[in-house]
Amino acid sequence: MRAIRNSLCTLVLTLFASAAFAQTTTATPKLDVPYVPTPQKVVDAMLKLANVSDKDVLYDLGCGDGRIVITAAKEHGATVLALT
């Protein structure tokens, strides 16, 4: 009886350890495409080139850190919608 209980405890501890290890290894997924933020100078130049104003609506799909839409809203008064 004691041997069965020890085996069962070992099995349960192994399962918990496996689950804990699986959670730590899957916490950081490998990305297919790396995230590279757009430099603020480039953002400013793009918005200036596009002549963004308060009459514009800017949609940014996959906006990353949102610096383009944030700048468009704050500096140019544009209405923005960003989706990550």
N, C-alpha and C. Protein backbone atom coordinates (compact mmCIF):
# COMPACT_ATOMS: atom_id res chain seq x y z
N MET A 1 0.82 -1.20 0.00
CA MET A 1 0.00 0.00 0.00
C MET A 1 0.87 1.27 0.00
N ARG A 2 1.94 1.23 0.80
CA ARG A 2 2.83 2.38 0.87
C ARG A 2 3.54 2.61 -0.46
N ALA A 3 3.89 1.55 -1.15
CA ALA A 3 4.57 1.66 -2.45
C ALA A 3 3.64 2.29 -3.48
N ILE A 4 2.37 1.92 -3.45
CA ILE A 4 1.40 2.51 -4.38
C ILE A 4 1.23 4.00 -4.09
N ARG A 5 1.16 4.35 -2.82
CA ARG A 5 0.99 5.75 -2.44
C ARG A 5 2.22 6.56 -2.84
N ASN A 6 3.42 6.00 -2.64
CA ASN A 6 4.63 6.70 -3.04
C ASN A 6 4.69 6.87 -4.55
N SER A 7 4.28 5.85 -5.29
CA SER A 7 4.27 5.94 -6.75
C SER A 7 3.27 6.99 -7.21
N LEU A 8 2.11 7.01 -6.57
CA LEU A 8 1.08 8.00 -6.92
C LEU A 8 1.56 9.41 -6.62
N CYS A 9 2.22 9.60 -5.48
CA CYS A 9 2.76 10.93 -5.15
C CYS A 9 3.82 11.34 -6.15
N THR A 10 4.68 10.42 -6.53
CA THR A 10 5.71 10.72 -7.52
C THR A 10 5.08 11.10 -8.85
N LEU A 11 4.05 10.39 -9.26
CA LEU A 11 3.35 10.69 -10.51
C LEU A 11 2.72 12.08 -10.47
N VAL A 12 2.06 12.41 -9.37
CA VAL A 12 1.41 13.71 -9.24
C VAL A 12 2.45 14.83 -9.26
N LEU A 13 3.56 14.66 -8.54
CA LEU A 13 4.60 15.68 -8.53
C LEU A 13 5.23 15.84 -9.91
N THR A 14 5.40 14.75 -10.63
CA THR A 14 5.94 14.82 -11.98
C THR A 14 4.99 15.58 -12.90
N LEU A 15 3.70 15.33 -12.78
CA LEU A 15 2.72 16.03 -13.60
C LEU A 15 2.71 17.53 -13.31
N PHE A 16 2.79 17.90 -12.02
CA PHE A 16 2.82 19.31 -11.66
C PHE A 16 4.09 19.97 -12.18
N ALA A 17 5.23 19.29 -12.05
CA ALA A 17 6.49 19.84 -12.54
C ALA A 17 6.45 20.00 -14.06
N SER A 18 5.87 19.04 -14.76
CA SER A 18 5.75 19.13 -16.21
C SER A 18 4.87 20.29 -16.62
N ALA A 19 3.76 20.47 -15.91
CA ALA A 19 2.85 21.58 -16.22
C ALA A 19 3.52 22.92 -15.96
N ALA A 20 4.28 23.03 -14.87
CA ALA A 20 4.97 24.28 -14.56
C ALA A 20 6.03 24.57 -15.61
N PHE A 21 6.76 23.55 -16.03
CA PHE A 21 7.78 23.74 -17.06
C PHE A 21 7.15 24.13 -18.39
N ALA A 22 6.03 23.52 -18.73
CA ALA A 22 5.36 23.83 -19.99
C ALA A 22 4.88 25.28 -20.00
N GLN A 23 4.41 25.78 -18.86
CA GLN A 23 3.94 27.16 -18.81
C GLN A 23 5.08 28.15 -18.98
N THR A 24 6.23 27.85 -18.41
CA THR A 24 7.35 28.79 -18.52
C THR A 24 7.95 28.77 -19.92
N THR A 25 7.91 27.64 -20.59
CA THR A 25 8.50 27.59 -21.92
C THR A 25 7.58 28.15 -22.99
N THR A 26 6.28 28.17 -22.77
CA THR A 26 5.36 28.69 -23.77
C THR A 26 4.99 30.16 -23.51
N ALA A 27 5.55 30.76 -22.46
CA ALA A 27 5.20 32.14 -22.13
C ALA A 27 5.72 33.13 -23.18
N THR A 28 6.80 32.79 -23.85
CA THR A 28 7.37 33.67 -24.85
C THR A 28 7.33 32.98 -26.21
N PRO A 29 6.28 33.24 -26.99
CA PRO A 29 6.19 32.57 -28.28
C PRO A 29 7.21 33.12 -29.27
N LYS A 30 7.65 32.28 -30.17
CA LYS A 30 8.57 32.73 -31.22
C LYS A 30 7.75 33.48 -32.27
N LEU A 31 8.18 34.68 -32.58
CA LEU A 31 7.46 35.52 -33.52
C LEU A 31 7.90 35.22 -34.95
N ASP A 32 6.94 35.22 -35.86
CA ASP A 32 7.25 35.03 -37.27
C ASP A 32 7.88 36.29 -37.87
N VAL A 33 7.42 37.43 -37.39
CA VAL A 33 7.90 38.71 -37.89
C VAL A 33 8.35 39.54 -36.69
N PRO A 34 9.56 40.03 -36.68
CA PRO A 34 10.02 40.81 -35.53
C PRO A 34 9.33 42.17 -35.47
N TYR A 35 9.16 42.68 -34.26
CA TYR A 35 8.60 44.02 -34.07
C TYR A 35 9.74 45.03 -34.12
N VAL A 36 9.64 45.97 -35.01
CA VAL A 36 10.64 47.04 -35.12
C VAL A 36 9.88 48.36 -35.07
N PRO A 37 10.03 49.13 -33.99
CA PRO A 37 9.29 50.39 -33.90
C PRO A 37 9.78 51.42 -34.91
N THR A 38 8.85 52.21 -35.40
CA THR A 38 9.17 53.28 -36.34
C THR A 38 9.78 54.44 -35.56
N PRO A 39 10.93 54.94 -35.96
CA PRO A 39 11.52 56.09 -35.26
C PRO A 39 10.59 57.31 -35.32
N GLN A 40 10.58 58.09 -34.26
CA GLN A 40 9.67 59.24 -34.17
C GLN A 40 9.90 60.23 -35.30
N LYS A 41 11.15 60.41 -35.74
CA LYS A 41 11.44 61.32 -36.86
C LYS A 41 10.71 60.86 -38.12
N VAL A 42 10.67 59.55 -38.33
CA VAL A 42 9.99 58.99 -39.50
C VAL A 42 8.49 59.18 -39.38
N VAL A 43 7.95 58.97 -38.19
CA VAL A 43 6.51 59.17 -37.95
C VAL A 43 6.13 60.61 -38.28
N ASP A 44 6.91 61.56 -37.76
CA ASP A 44 6.63 62.97 -38.01
C ASP A 44 6.67 63.29 -39.51
N ALA A 45 7.67 62.73 -40.20
CA ALA A 45 7.79 62.98 -41.64
C ALA A 45 6.64 62.36 -42.42
N MET A 46 6.20 61.16 -42.04
CA MET A 46 5.08 60.51 -42.73
C MET A 46 3.79 61.30 -42.57
N LEU A 47 3.52 61.76 -41.36
CA LEU A 47 2.29 62.50 -41.11
C LEU A 47 2.32 63.86 -41.81
N LYS A 48 3.49 64.47 -41.85
CA LYS A 48 3.63 65.74 -42.57
C LYS A 48 3.44 65.54 -44.07
N LEU A 49 4.06 64.49 -44.62
CA LEU A 49 3.94 64.19 -46.04
C LEU A 49 2.49 63.88 -46.43
N ALA A 50 1.76 63.20 -45.54
CA ALA A 50 0.36 62.87 -45.80
C ALA A 50 -0.57 64.05 -45.53
N ASN A 51 -0.01 65.13 -44.99
CA ASN A 51 -0.79 66.34 -44.69
C ASN A 51 -1.99 66.01 -43.80
N VAL A 52 -1.74 65.26 -42.73
CA VAL A 52 -2.79 64.85 -41.79
C VAL A 52 -3.29 66.06 -41.03
N SER A 53 -4.62 66.16 -40.94
CA SER A 53 -5.22 67.30 -40.23
C SER A 53 -6.35 66.81 -39.33
N ASP A 54 -7.01 67.78 -38.70
CA ASP A 54 -8.13 67.43 -37.81
C ASP A 54 -9.35 66.94 -38.58
N LYS A 55 -9.35 67.04 -39.88
CA LYS A 55 -10.47 66.54 -40.70
C LYS A 55 -10.28 65.09 -41.11
N ASP A 56 -9.12 64.49 -40.79
CA ASP A 56 -8.80 63.13 -41.22
C ASP A 56 -9.14 62.09 -40.16
N VAL A 57 -9.41 60.89 -40.65
CA VAL A 57 -9.58 59.72 -39.79
C VAL A 57 -8.46 58.76 -40.18
N LEU A 58 -7.66 58.36 -39.21
CA LEU A 58 -6.52 57.50 -39.47
C LEU A 58 -6.76 56.13 -38.82
N TYR A 59 -6.70 55.08 -39.62
CA TYR A 59 -6.82 53.71 -39.14
C TYR A 59 -5.44 53.07 -39.18
N ASP A 60 -5.04 52.42 -38.11
CA ASP A 60 -3.75 51.74 -38.07
C ASP A 60 -3.98 50.32 -37.56
N LEU A 61 -3.94 49.37 -38.48
CA LEU A 61 -4.11 47.97 -38.13
C LEU A 61 -2.75 47.37 -37.82
N GLY A 62 -2.63 46.73 -36.67
CA GLY A 62 -1.34 46.21 -36.24
C GLY A 62 -0.43 47.34 -35.81
N CYS A 63 -0.94 48.21 -34.95
CA CYS A 63 -0.28 49.48 -34.65
C CYS A 63 0.95 49.37 -33.75
N GLY A 64 1.26 48.20 -33.23
CA GLY A 64 2.44 48.08 -32.36
C GLY A 64 2.31 48.93 -31.12
N ASP A 65 3.20 49.88 -30.94
CA ASP A 65 3.14 50.74 -29.76
C ASP A 65 2.22 51.94 -29.94
N GLY A 66 1.66 52.10 -31.13
CA GLY A 66 0.67 53.14 -31.38
C GLY A 66 1.24 54.53 -31.59
N ARG A 67 2.53 54.63 -31.80
CA ARG A 67 3.13 55.98 -31.88
C ARG A 67 2.63 56.78 -33.07
N ILE A 68 2.25 56.12 -34.17
CA ILE A 68 1.77 56.86 -35.34
C ILE A 68 0.40 57.48 -35.04
N VAL A 69 -0.52 56.69 -34.52
CA VAL A 69 -1.85 57.22 -34.23
C VAL A 69 -1.84 58.20 -33.06
N ILE A 70 -0.99 57.96 -32.09
CA ILE A 70 -0.90 58.88 -30.96
C ILE A 70 -0.40 60.24 -31.44
N THR A 71 0.63 60.23 -32.27
CA THR A 71 1.17 61.48 -32.81
C THR A 71 0.15 62.16 -33.70
N ALA A 72 -0.56 61.38 -34.52
CA ALA A 72 -1.57 61.97 -35.41
C ALA A 72 -2.67 62.65 -34.60
N ALA A 73 -3.07 62.03 -33.51
CA ALA A 73 -4.14 62.61 -32.68
C ALA A 73 -3.65 63.82 -31.90
N LYS A 74 -2.49 63.68 -31.26
CA LYS A 74 -1.99 64.77 -30.41
C LYS A 74 -1.49 65.97 -31.20
N GLU A 75 -0.70 65.72 -32.22
CA GLU A 75 -0.04 66.82 -32.93
C GLU A 75 -0.86 67.37 -34.10
N HIS A 76 -1.71 66.53 -34.69
CA HIS A 76 -2.45 66.95 -35.89
C HIS A 76 -3.95 66.99 -35.68
N GLY A 77 -4.44 66.52 -34.54
CA GLY A 77 -5.87 66.57 -34.23
C GLY A 77 -6.72 65.56 -34.98
N ALA A 78 -6.09 64.56 -35.59
CA ALA A 78 -6.84 63.59 -36.38
C ALA A 78 -7.63 62.65 -35.47
N THR A 79 -8.72 62.14 -35.99
CA THR A 79 -9.47 61.09 -35.32
C THR A 79 -8.79 59.77 -35.68
N VAL A 80 -8.51 58.93 -34.69
CA VAL A 80 -7.73 57.73 -34.96
C VAL A 80 -8.42 56.48 -34.42
N LEU A 81 -8.12 55.35 -35.06
CA LEU A 81 -8.55 54.04 -34.59
C LEU A 81 -7.37 53.10 -34.78
N ALA A 82 -6.92 52.50 -33.68
CA ALA A 82 -5.76 51.60 -33.75
C ALA A 82 -6.17 50.21 -33.27
N LEU A 83 -5.76 49.21 -34.01
CA LEU A 83 -6.02 47.81 -33.63
C LEU A 83 -4.71 47.06 -33.61
N THR A 84 -4.46 46.39 -32.50
CA THR A 84 -3.21 45.61 -32.42
C THR A 84 -3.39 44.22 -32.95
